[in-house]
């Protein structure tokens, strides 16, 4: 009997786990901003724009946990914290930047395709943003 799937389930889980992290909108923005070098939390929050303190903290912790950035806290009053991409994070910067650039170039094309699809099928999606700046789509 032939296998139904060419990919091992372990491979799929590994890819899914990484894509879940790097596919997040805030992750893409944070990684691209840190591509310019080390930044303080407040600088990063201002550079990303529209992100809440809680969401930025959550995103940074996830990126640190996954090995994409390092966090350095300085013993000052008030405490100063800086973030910097690791070697792994700098490797991630290339595909993330390419994807972000592709999205900027093709956003209108995707929007037009969605409009055509919705018109033909009568499909209606409503998009809204929650208090944390996360977007959700529903019918």
N, C-alpha and C. Protein backbone atom coordinates (compact mmCIF):
# COMPACT_ATOMS: atom_id res chain seq x y z
N UNK A 1 0.84 -1.18 0.00
CA UNK A 1 0.00 0.00 0.00
C UNK A 1 0.89 1.25 0.00
N UNK A 2 0.57 2.20 -0.86
CA UNK A 2 1.34 3.43 -0.96
C UNK A 2 0.99 4.38 0.19
N UNK A 3 1.99 5.09 0.69
CA UNK A 3 1.67 6.08 1.72
C UNK A 3 0.82 7.20 1.12
N UNK A 4 -0.13 7.67 1.88
CA UNK A 4 -1.02 8.72 1.40
C UNK A 4 -0.35 10.08 1.40
N UNK A 5 0.60 10.26 2.28
CA UNK A 5 1.27 11.56 2.39
C UNK A 5 2.77 11.37 2.26
N UNK A 6 3.38 12.23 1.49
CA UNK A 6 4.82 12.14 1.30
C UNK A 6 5.60 12.72 2.47
N UNK A 7 4.95 13.57 3.26
CA UNK A 7 5.63 14.23 4.37
C UNK A 7 5.36 13.47 5.66
N UNK A 8 6.39 13.29 6.44
CA UNK A 8 6.22 12.65 7.74
C UNK A 8 5.49 13.60 8.68
N UNK A 9 4.68 13.03 9.55
CA UNK A 9 3.92 13.89 10.45
C UNK A 9 4.84 14.70 11.35
N UNK A 10 6.03 14.17 11.69
CA UNK A 10 6.98 14.94 12.50
C UNK A 10 7.45 16.18 11.74
N UNK A 11 7.68 16.02 10.43
CA UNK A 11 8.08 17.16 9.62
C UNK A 11 6.98 18.22 9.59
N UNK A 12 5.76 17.76 9.44
CA UNK A 12 4.63 18.69 9.40
C UNK A 12 4.49 19.44 10.71
N UNK A 13 4.66 18.75 11.82
CA UNK A 13 4.57 19.42 13.12
C UNK A 13 5.69 20.44 13.28
N UNK A 14 6.89 20.09 12.85
CA UNK A 14 8.01 21.02 12.96
C UNK A 14 7.77 22.26 12.13
N UNK A 15 7.35 22.07 10.89
CA UNK A 15 7.08 23.21 10.01
C UNK A 15 5.93 24.04 10.56
N UNK A 16 4.90 23.39 11.02
CA UNK A 16 3.74 24.09 11.56
C UNK A 16 4.11 24.93 12.77
N UNK A 17 4.93 24.38 13.66
CA UNK A 17 5.34 25.11 14.85
C UNK A 17 6.13 26.36 14.53
N UNK A 18 7.04 26.25 13.58
CA UNK A 18 7.85 27.41 13.19
C UNK A 18 6.99 28.43 12.45
N UNK A 19 6.15 27.96 11.53
CA UNK A 19 5.30 28.89 10.78
C UNK A 19 4.30 29.59 11.68
N UNK A 20 3.87 28.91 12.72
CA UNK A 20 2.95 29.55 13.66
C UNK A 20 3.62 30.76 14.30
N UNK A 21 4.90 30.64 14.64
CA UNK A 21 5.62 31.77 15.24
C UNK A 21 5.91 32.84 14.20
N UNK A 22 6.54 32.47 13.09
CA UNK A 22 7.01 33.49 12.14
C UNK A 22 5.90 34.01 11.25
N UNK A 23 4.77 33.35 11.21
CA UNK A 23 3.66 33.81 10.39
C UNK A 23 2.80 34.85 11.08
N UNK A 24 3.05 35.09 12.33
CA UNK A 24 2.29 36.07 13.09
C UNK A 24 2.65 37.48 12.63
N UNK A 25 1.66 38.32 12.48
CA UNK A 25 1.88 39.68 11.98
C UNK A 25 2.86 40.46 12.85
N UNK A 26 2.75 40.34 14.16
CA UNK A 26 3.64 41.11 15.04
C UNK A 26 5.06 40.59 14.96
N UNK A 27 5.22 39.28 14.82
CA UNK A 27 6.56 38.71 14.71
C UNK A 27 7.28 39.27 13.50
N UNK A 28 6.60 39.32 12.37
CA UNK A 28 7.21 39.84 11.15
C UNK A 28 7.67 41.28 11.37
N UNK A 29 6.83 42.09 11.96
CA UNK A 29 7.18 43.50 12.19
C UNK A 29 8.32 43.65 13.18
N UNK A 30 8.29 42.89 14.27
CA UNK A 30 9.34 42.98 15.28
C UNK A 30 10.68 42.53 14.70
N UNK A 31 10.68 41.41 14.00
CA UNK A 31 11.94 40.89 13.43
C UNK A 31 12.50 41.89 12.42
N UNK A 32 11.66 42.45 11.57
CA UNK A 32 12.18 43.40 10.58
C UNK A 32 12.72 44.66 11.26
N UNK A 33 12.08 45.13 12.30
CA UNK A 33 12.59 46.32 13.01
C UNK A 33 13.91 46.01 13.70
N UNK A 34 14.02 44.83 14.32
CA UNK A 34 15.27 44.45 14.98
C UNK A 34 16.38 44.14 13.98
N UNK A 35 16.02 43.99 12.72
CA UNK A 35 17.02 43.78 11.68
C UNK A 35 17.97 44.96 11.56
N UNK A 36 17.53 46.12 12.02
CA UNK A 36 18.38 47.32 12.00
C UNK A 36 19.33 47.40 13.17
N UNK A 37 19.21 46.48 14.11
CA UNK A 37 20.10 46.48 15.27
C UNK A 37 19.35 46.46 16.58
N UNK A 38 20.11 46.44 17.63
CA UNK A 38 19.61 46.38 19.01
C UNK A 38 18.66 47.54 19.29
N UNK A 39 17.56 47.23 20.02
CA UNK A 39 16.58 48.27 20.35
C UNK A 39 16.06 48.08 21.77
N UNK A 40 15.72 49.21 22.39
CA UNK A 40 15.05 49.18 23.69
C UNK A 40 13.57 48.88 23.46
N UNK A 41 12.91 48.40 24.51
CA UNK A 41 11.49 48.05 24.44
C UNK A 41 10.66 49.22 23.92
N UNK A 42 10.86 50.40 24.50
CA UNK A 42 10.06 51.57 24.11
C UNK A 42 10.33 51.98 22.67
N UNK A 43 11.58 51.88 22.22
CA UNK A 43 11.90 52.19 20.82
C UNK A 43 11.20 51.22 19.88
N UNK A 44 11.24 49.96 20.26
CA UNK A 44 10.63 48.91 19.45
C UNK A 44 9.12 49.11 19.37
N UNK A 45 8.51 49.42 20.49
CA UNK A 45 7.06 49.64 20.51
C UNK A 45 6.68 50.81 19.61
N UNK A 46 7.45 51.88 19.66
CA UNK A 46 7.18 53.02 18.78
C UNK A 46 7.42 52.70 17.32
N UNK A 47 8.45 51.90 17.04
CA UNK A 47 8.78 51.56 15.66
C UNK A 47 7.75 50.64 15.03
N UNK A 48 7.22 49.73 15.82
CA UNK A 48 6.22 48.79 15.30
C UNK A 48 4.90 49.50 15.08
N UNK A 49 4.48 50.32 16.00
CA UNK A 49 3.25 51.09 15.83
C UNK A 49 2.00 50.23 15.91
N UNK A 50 1.07 50.63 16.76
CA UNK A 50 -0.21 49.93 16.86
C UNK A 50 -0.20 48.70 17.74
N UNK A 51 0.94 48.34 18.29
CA UNK A 51 1.03 47.16 19.13
C UNK A 51 0.90 47.57 20.59
N UNK A 52 0.13 46.81 21.35
CA UNK A 52 0.00 47.10 22.78
C UNK A 52 1.24 46.61 23.52
N UNK A 53 1.44 47.13 24.71
CA UNK A 53 2.57 46.71 25.53
C UNK A 53 2.49 45.21 25.80
N UNK A 54 1.29 44.72 26.11
CA UNK A 54 1.11 43.30 26.40
C UNK A 54 1.44 42.43 25.18
N UNK A 55 0.97 42.83 24.00
CA UNK A 55 1.22 42.04 22.80
C UNK A 55 2.70 42.06 22.42
N UNK A 56 3.35 43.20 22.59
CA UNK A 56 4.79 43.27 22.30
C UNK A 56 5.56 42.37 23.27
N UNK A 57 5.20 42.42 24.55
CA UNK A 57 5.85 41.57 25.54
C UNK A 57 5.68 40.09 25.19
N UNK A 58 4.47 39.70 24.83
CA UNK A 58 4.18 38.31 24.45
C UNK A 58 4.97 37.90 23.22
N UNK A 59 5.01 38.77 22.23
CA UNK A 59 5.74 38.47 20.99
C UNK A 59 7.23 38.34 21.27
N UNK A 60 7.78 39.26 22.04
CA UNK A 60 9.21 39.21 22.37
C UNK A 60 9.57 37.96 23.15
N UNK A 61 8.73 37.58 24.10
CA UNK A 61 8.99 36.36 24.88
C UNK A 61 8.98 35.13 23.99
N UNK A 62 8.03 35.07 23.06
CA UNK A 62 7.97 33.93 22.14
C UNK A 62 9.20 33.86 21.25
N UNK A 63 9.63 35.01 20.75
CA UNK A 63 10.83 35.05 19.91
C UNK A 63 12.08 34.69 20.69
N UNK A 64 12.13 35.12 21.95
CA UNK A 64 13.27 34.77 22.79
C UNK A 64 13.26 33.26 23.08
N UNK A 65 12.10 32.73 23.40
CA UNK A 65 11.97 31.29 23.69
C UNK A 65 12.41 30.45 22.50
N UNK A 66 12.06 30.90 21.29
CA UNK A 66 12.39 30.15 20.08
C UNK A 66 13.81 30.40 19.59
N UNK A 67 14.55 31.27 20.28
CA UNK A 67 15.95 31.49 19.94
C UNK A 67 16.20 32.52 18.86
N UNK A 68 15.20 33.34 18.55
CA UNK A 68 15.36 34.34 17.49
C UNK A 68 15.93 35.66 18.00
N UNK A 69 15.82 35.91 19.31
CA UNK A 69 16.38 37.14 19.86
C UNK A 69 16.88 36.90 21.27
N UNK A 70 17.71 37.84 21.71
CA UNK A 70 18.18 37.84 23.10
C UNK A 70 17.71 39.12 23.76
N UNK A 71 17.46 38.99 25.04
CA UNK A 71 17.00 40.11 25.87
C UNK A 71 18.08 40.39 26.89
N UNK A 72 18.46 41.65 26.99
CA UNK A 72 19.47 42.03 27.98
C UNK A 72 18.89 43.11 28.87
N UNK A 73 18.91 42.85 30.18
CA UNK A 73 18.41 43.81 31.14
C UNK A 73 19.59 44.44 31.87
N UNK A 74 19.58 45.76 31.93
CA UNK A 74 20.65 46.51 32.58
C UNK A 74 20.18 46.97 33.96
N UNK A 75 21.06 46.87 34.96
CA UNK A 75 20.68 47.22 36.35
C UNK A 75 20.68 48.72 36.58
N UNK A 76 19.76 49.39 35.94
CA UNK A 76 19.63 50.84 36.11
C UNK A 76 18.26 51.14 36.70
N UNK A 77 18.07 52.38 37.11
CA UNK A 77 16.76 52.81 37.60
C UNK A 77 16.29 53.94 36.71
N UNK A 78 15.20 53.79 35.97
CA UNK A 78 14.42 52.56 35.84
C UNK A 78 15.20 51.51 35.04
N UNK A 79 14.79 50.24 35.15
CA UNK A 79 15.49 49.19 34.42
C UNK A 79 15.45 49.43 32.91
N UNK A 80 16.56 49.17 32.27
CA UNK A 80 16.65 49.31 30.82
C UNK A 80 16.77 47.91 30.23
N UNK A 81 15.93 47.63 29.22
CA UNK A 81 15.94 46.32 28.57
C UNK A 81 16.14 46.54 27.08
N UNK A 82 17.06 45.77 26.50
CA UNK A 82 17.31 45.85 25.06
C UNK A 82 17.17 44.47 24.44
N UNK A 83 16.77 44.47 23.17
CA UNK A 83 16.56 43.24 22.42
C UNK A 83 17.41 43.27 21.17
N UNK A 84 17.90 42.10 20.79
CA UNK A 84 18.74 41.99 19.60
C UNK A 84 18.52 40.62 18.98
N UNK A 85 18.53 40.57 17.65
CA UNK A 85 18.40 39.29 16.96
C UNK A 85 19.63 38.42 17.21
N UNK A 86 19.40 37.14 17.33
CA UNK A 86 20.49 36.17 17.40
C UNK A 86 20.90 35.83 15.97
N UNK A 87 21.88 34.95 15.81
CA UNK A 87 22.24 34.49 14.47
C UNK A 87 21.04 33.85 13.79
N UNK A 88 20.28 33.06 14.56
CA UNK A 88 19.08 32.42 14.01
C UNK A 88 18.06 33.47 13.59
N UNK A 89 17.90 34.51 14.40
CA UNK A 89 16.98 35.59 14.06
C UNK A 89 17.41 36.35 12.82
N UNK A 90 18.73 36.55 12.66
CA UNK A 90 19.22 37.23 11.45
C UNK A 90 19.02 36.35 10.21
N UNK A 91 19.11 35.04 10.38
CA UNK A 91 18.80 34.15 9.26
C UNK A 91 17.33 34.24 8.90
N UNK A 92 16.47 34.38 9.90
CA UNK A 92 15.03 34.51 9.67
C UNK A 92 14.69 35.82 8.98
N UNK A 93 15.49 36.83 9.21
CA UNK A 93 15.24 38.16 8.65
C UNK A 93 15.11 38.13 7.13
N UNK A 94 15.94 37.33 6.47
CA UNK A 94 15.91 37.30 5.00
C UNK A 94 14.56 36.81 4.45
N UNK A 95 14.07 35.63 4.84
CA UNK A 95 12.77 35.22 4.29
C UNK A 95 11.61 36.08 4.78
N UNK A 96 11.67 36.56 6.01
CA UNK A 96 10.60 37.40 6.53
C UNK A 96 10.55 38.73 5.77
N UNK A 97 11.69 39.31 5.51
CA UNK A 97 11.75 40.55 4.74
C UNK A 97 11.24 40.33 3.33
N UNK A 98 11.64 39.22 2.71
CA UNK A 98 11.17 38.91 1.36
C UNK A 98 9.65 38.74 1.35
N UNK A 99 9.11 38.06 2.34
CA UNK A 99 7.67 37.86 2.41
C UNK A 99 6.94 39.18 2.63
N UNK A 100 7.47 40.02 3.51
CA UNK A 100 6.85 41.32 3.76
C UNK A 100 6.87 42.18 2.49
N UNK A 101 7.97 42.15 1.77
CA UNK A 101 8.07 42.92 0.53
C UNK A 101 7.08 42.39 -0.51
N UNK A 102 6.99 41.06 -0.61
CA UNK A 102 6.04 40.45 -1.55
C UNK A 102 4.62 40.88 -1.19
N UNK A 103 4.29 40.89 0.10
CA UNK A 103 2.95 41.28 0.54
C UNK A 103 2.67 42.74 0.18
N UNK A 104 3.66 43.62 0.36
CA UNK A 104 3.47 45.04 -0.01
C UNK A 104 3.24 45.18 -1.51
N UNK A 105 4.01 44.44 -2.30
CA UNK A 105 3.86 44.53 -3.77
C UNK A 105 2.56 43.94 -4.26
N UNK A 106 2.04 42.93 -3.59
CA UNK A 106 0.90 42.18 -4.12
C UNK A 106 -0.38 42.32 -3.31
N UNK A 107 -0.37 43.17 -2.31
CA UNK A 107 -1.56 43.34 -1.47
C UNK A 107 -2.80 43.71 -2.25
N UNK A 108 -2.65 44.62 -3.20
CA UNK A 108 -3.80 45.04 -4.02
C UNK A 108 -4.33 43.89 -4.87
N UNK A 109 -3.42 43.10 -5.42
CA UNK A 109 -3.84 41.95 -6.24
C UNK A 109 -4.63 40.96 -5.41
N UNK A 110 -4.19 40.72 -4.20
CA UNK A 110 -4.90 39.79 -3.31
C UNK A 110 -6.27 40.37 -2.97
N UNK A 111 -6.31 41.66 -2.67
CA UNK A 111 -7.59 42.31 -2.33
C UNK A 111 -8.58 42.21 -3.50
N UNK A 112 -8.10 42.44 -4.73
CA UNK A 112 -8.98 42.32 -5.90
C UNK A 112 -9.46 40.89 -6.10
N UNK A 113 -8.58 39.92 -5.89
CA UNK A 113 -8.98 38.51 -6.02
C UNK A 113 -10.05 38.17 -4.99
N UNK A 114 -9.90 38.65 -3.78
CA UNK A 114 -10.90 38.41 -2.75
C UNK A 114 -12.24 39.02 -3.13
N UNK A 115 -12.19 40.25 -3.65
CA UNK A 115 -13.43 40.91 -4.08
C UNK A 115 -14.12 40.12 -5.18
N UNK A 116 -13.34 39.67 -6.17
CA UNK A 116 -13.93 38.86 -7.26
C UNK A 116 -14.56 37.59 -6.71
N UNK A 117 -13.84 36.89 -5.85
CA UNK A 117 -14.34 35.65 -5.27
C UNK A 117 -15.63 35.90 -4.50
N UNK A 118 -15.62 36.93 -3.65
CA UNK A 118 -16.79 37.24 -2.83
C UNK A 118 -17.99 37.61 -3.70
N UNK A 119 -17.73 38.32 -4.79
CA UNK A 119 -18.81 38.73 -5.69
C UNK A 119 -19.44 37.51 -6.37
N UNK A 120 -18.59 36.60 -6.83
CA UNK A 120 -19.07 35.41 -7.54
C UNK A 120 -19.78 34.44 -6.59
N UNK A 121 -19.24 34.27 -5.40
CA UNK A 121 -19.77 33.26 -4.48
C UNK A 121 -20.78 33.81 -3.49
N UNK A 122 -20.86 35.13 -3.36
CA UNK A 122 -21.72 35.72 -2.35
C UNK A 122 -21.13 35.59 -0.96
N UNK A 123 -19.89 35.20 -0.90
CA UNK A 123 -19.17 35.03 0.36
C UNK A 123 -18.89 36.39 0.97
N UNK A 124 -19.16 36.53 2.26
CA UNK A 124 -18.91 37.79 2.94
C UNK A 124 -18.09 37.51 4.19
N UNK A 125 -16.95 38.16 4.29
CA UNK A 125 -16.13 38.06 5.50
C UNK A 125 -16.07 39.42 6.14
N UNK A 126 -16.19 39.43 7.44
CA UNK A 126 -16.11 40.66 8.20
C UNK A 126 -14.81 40.61 8.99
N UNK A 127 -14.05 41.68 8.92
CA UNK A 127 -12.77 41.74 9.63
C UNK A 127 -12.89 42.76 10.73
N UNK A 128 -12.39 42.41 11.91
CA UNK A 128 -12.40 43.33 13.03
C UNK A 128 -11.10 43.20 13.79
N UNK A 129 -10.81 44.22 14.61
CA UNK A 129 -9.58 44.24 15.39
C UNK A 129 -9.95 44.27 16.87
N UNK A 130 -9.31 43.41 17.66
CA UNK A 130 -9.60 43.39 19.09
C UNK A 130 -8.77 44.44 19.83
N UNK A 131 -8.91 44.51 21.14
CA UNK A 131 -8.23 45.52 21.94
C UNK A 131 -6.71 45.40 21.90
N UNK A 132 -6.20 44.21 21.59
CA UNK A 132 -4.76 43.99 21.54
C UNK A 132 -4.19 44.27 20.15
N UNK A 133 -5.01 44.65 19.21
CA UNK A 133 -4.53 44.93 17.87
C UNK A 133 -4.51 43.71 16.97
N UNK A 134 -5.03 42.59 17.47
CA UNK A 134 -5.07 41.38 16.64
C UNK A 134 -6.31 41.43 15.77
N UNK A 135 -6.15 40.97 14.54
CA UNK A 135 -7.27 40.96 13.62
C UNK A 135 -7.88 39.57 13.55
N UNK A 136 -9.17 39.55 13.37
CA UNK A 136 -9.88 38.28 13.23
C UNK A 136 -10.83 38.41 12.05
N UNK A 137 -11.12 37.28 11.44
CA UNK A 137 -12.02 37.26 10.30
C UNK A 137 -13.11 36.26 10.58
N UNK A 138 -14.32 36.62 10.26
CA UNK A 138 -15.46 35.72 10.46
C UNK A 138 -16.47 35.92 9.37
N UNK A 139 -17.46 35.08 9.39
CA UNK A 139 -18.54 35.20 8.38
C UNK A 139 -19.80 35.70 9.03
